[in-house]
Protein backbone atom coordinates (compact mmCIF):
# COMPACT_ATOMS: atom_id res chain seq x y z
CA MET A 1 5.65 -15.45 33.64
CA LEU A 2 5.33 -12.25 31.61
CA THR A 3 8.78 -10.80 31.10
CA ASN A 4 8.22 -8.45 28.21
CA PRO A 5 8.01 -4.87 29.64
CA GLN A 6 5.24 -4.11 27.16
CA HIS A 7 3.11 -6.89 28.72
CA LYS A 8 3.68 -5.46 32.19
CA MET A 9 2.48 -2.07 31.04
CA ASP A 10 -0.57 -3.67 29.47
CA LEU A 11 -1.46 -5.28 32.80
CA ARG A 12 -2.03 -1.84 34.29
CA SER A 13 -5.24 -1.39 32.28
CA ASP A 14 -8.36 -3.47 32.77
CA ALA A 15 -8.31 -4.37 29.06
CA GLY A 16 -4.68 -5.50 29.28
CA LEU A 17 -5.37 -7.52 32.38
CA ALA A 18 -8.42 -9.10 30.75
CA SER A 19 -6.34 -10.06 27.69
CA ALA A 20 -3.50 -11.55 29.74
CA LEU A 21 -5.93 -13.44 31.97
CA ARG A 22 -7.85 -14.80 28.98
CA VAL A 23 -4.68 -16.12 27.35
CA SER A 24 -3.31 -17.60 30.59
CA LEU A 25 -6.57 -19.31 31.51
CA ALA A 26 -6.97 -20.72 28.01
CA ARG A 27 -3.44 -22.16 28.13
CA LEU A 28 -4.01 -23.63 31.59
CA THR A 29 -7.32 -25.14 30.48
CA ARG A 30 -5.64 -26.75 27.44
CA ARG A 31 -2.84 -28.15 29.65
CA LEU A 32 -5.39 -29.58 32.09
CA ARG A 33 -7.38 -31.15 29.25
CA ARG A 34 -4.24 -32.93 28.11
CA GLN A 35 -4.16 -34.64 31.50
CA ALA A 36 -7.49 -36.27 30.72
CA ALA A 37 -7.94 -39.99 31.12
CA ALA A 38 -8.47 -42.02 27.96
CA HIS A 39 -12.18 -41.30 27.78
CA SER A 40 -12.34 -39.33 24.52
CA LEU A 41 -15.32 -37.25 25.63
CA THR A 42 -15.74 -33.87 24.05
CA PRO A 43 -15.45 -30.87 26.42
CA THR A 44 -19.23 -30.39 26.17
CA GLN A 45 -19.89 -34.05 26.98
CA PHE A 46 -17.51 -33.96 29.94
CA ALA A 47 -18.99 -30.68 31.27
CA THR A 48 -22.50 -32.12 30.90
CA LEU A 49 -21.49 -35.28 32.73
CA ALA A 50 -20.05 -33.20 35.60
CA ASP A 51 -23.26 -31.13 35.69
CA VAL A 52 -25.39 -34.26 35.89
CA GLU A 53 -23.23 -35.50 38.75
CA ARG A 54 -23.66 -32.20 40.63
CA HIS A 55 -27.40 -31.95 39.87
CA SER A 56 -28.61 -35.54 39.95
CA GLY A 57 -32.10 -35.90 38.52
CA ILE A 58 -31.79 -32.83 36.30
CA THR A 59 -33.90 -32.55 33.17
CA PRO A 60 -32.41 -32.20 29.69
CA GLY A 61 -33.89 -28.70 29.44
CA GLU A 62 -32.25 -27.67 32.70
CA LEU A 63 -28.95 -29.09 31.44
CA ALA A 64 -29.24 -27.14 28.19
CA GLU A 65 -29.79 -23.96 30.17
CA LEU A 66 -26.87 -24.72 32.46
CA GLU A 67 -24.52 -25.41 29.55
CA LYS A 68 -25.88 -22.53 27.44
CA VAL A 69 -26.78 -24.74 24.48
CA GLN A 70 -30.03 -25.33 22.59
CA PRO A 71 -32.20 -28.24 23.84
CA PRO A 72 -31.75 -30.31 20.61
CA SER A 73 -27.96 -30.08 21.06
CA MET A 74 -28.26 -31.23 24.67
CA THR A 75 -30.48 -34.11 23.59
CA ARG A 76 -27.66 -35.29 21.30
CA VAL A 77 -25.06 -34.93 24.05
CA ILE A 78 -27.21 -36.92 26.49
CA ALA A 79 -27.81 -39.61 23.86
CA ALA A 80 -24.04 -39.95 23.27
CA LEU A 81 -23.40 -40.22 27.02
CA GLU A 82 -26.22 -42.73 27.42
CA GLU A 83 -24.85 -44.82 24.58
CA ARG A 84 -21.54 -45.01 26.40
CA GLY A 85 -23.23 -46.08 29.61
CA LEU A 86 -22.40 -42.88 31.47
CA VAL A 87 -25.88 -41.51 32.11
CA ALA A 88 -29.32 -42.99 32.55
CA ARG A 89 -32.66 -41.40 31.76
CA THR A 90 -35.62 -42.09 34.02
CA PRO A 91 -39.20 -40.81 33.98
CA HIS A 92 -39.65 -37.49 35.76
CA PRO A 93 -41.26 -38.05 39.17
CA THR A 94 -44.03 -35.46 38.65
CA ASP A 95 -44.17 -34.68 34.94
CA ARG A 96 -44.70 -37.65 32.63
CA ARG A 97 -43.71 -35.61 29.58
CA GLN A 98 -40.15 -35.23 30.87
CA VAL A 99 -37.21 -37.40 31.94
CA THR A 100 -34.44 -36.86 34.43
CA VAL A 101 -30.81 -37.69 33.90
CA THR A 102 -28.43 -39.29 36.42
CA VAL A 103 -24.85 -40.51 36.21
CA THR A 104 -24.00 -44.19 36.27
CA GLU A 105 -21.31 -45.88 38.38
CA ALA A 106 -19.05 -45.87 35.31
CA ALA A 107 -19.44 -42.08 35.06
CA GLU A 108 -18.67 -41.60 38.73
CA LYS A 109 -15.48 -43.62 38.31
CA LEU A 110 -14.50 -41.71 35.15
CA LEU A 111 -15.10 -38.32 36.82
CA LYS A 112 -13.16 -39.31 39.91
CA GLU A 113 -10.16 -40.47 37.82
CA GLU A 114 -10.27 -37.38 35.65
CA ARG A 115 -10.23 -35.11 38.68
CA ARG A 116 -7.44 -37.12 40.30
CA ARG A 117 -5.23 -36.84 37.19
CA LYS A 118 -5.81 -33.10 36.76
CA GLU A 119 -5.33 -32.30 40.43
CA ALA A 120 -2.13 -34.36 40.56
CA TRP A 121 -0.74 -32.48 37.55
CA LEU A 122 -1.77 -29.10 38.98
CA THR A 123 -0.41 -29.96 42.43
CA GLN A 124 2.96 -30.75 40.83
CA ARG A 125 2.94 -27.43 38.95
CA LEU A 126 2.08 -25.55 42.15
CA LYS A 127 5.06 -27.14 43.92
CA GLU A 128 7.28 -25.52 41.27
CA LEU A 129 6.15 -22.05 42.36
CA SER A 130 7.63 -20.02 45.17
CA PRO A 131 5.75 -19.81 48.50
CA GLU A 132 4.89 -16.17 47.61
CA GLU A 133 3.47 -17.17 44.24
CA ARG A 134 1.36 -19.93 45.85
CA SER A 135 0.10 -17.38 48.39
CA ILE A 136 -0.98 -15.06 45.59
CA ILE A 137 -2.81 -17.91 43.87
CA ARG A 138 -4.56 -18.83 47.14
CA GLN A 139 -5.79 -15.25 47.34
CA ALA A 140 -6.77 -15.20 43.66
CA ALA A 141 -8.69 -18.50 43.64
CA PRO A 142 -11.90 -17.15 45.23
CA ILE A 143 -11.73 -14.08 42.97
CA LEU A 144 -11.43 -16.27 39.87
CA GLU A 145 -14.38 -18.32 41.14
CA LYS A 146 -16.37 -15.09 41.54
CA LEU A 147 -15.47 -14.06 37.95
CA SER A 148 -16.72 -17.41 36.68
CA LYS A 149 -20.17 -16.79 38.18
CA ILE A 150 -20.71 -13.18 37.14
């Protein structure tokens, strides 16, 4: 909670709000990452794995575009995930020059456990808030989602 009067004044401007939101979201993201299971994936590897789960049969090029990285970087990420048995490459159904990437059962299990841990931690933190604060967060959640897609 921001208690410094200077911070409250800063929140009145869009730039101040943007700054406070950036800091708060970064802290929350770091706290959620600390709840991670013992998988030792990098944030990029984990994000890629989640993308492959959501878009089964995606090509490495499509993944690179989705994650905003260069194709050679994505090739390395996929190779590391494949080496750990978390993704499988298969020939593209219509283009022999390409492959598609899918998650393995091990990846599905890892993703499920990761989400369970993070959601349990966040659920506990939400219980510590007042009903009014939880109501505000319920209203803000779709707005934050909208910001993430702009």
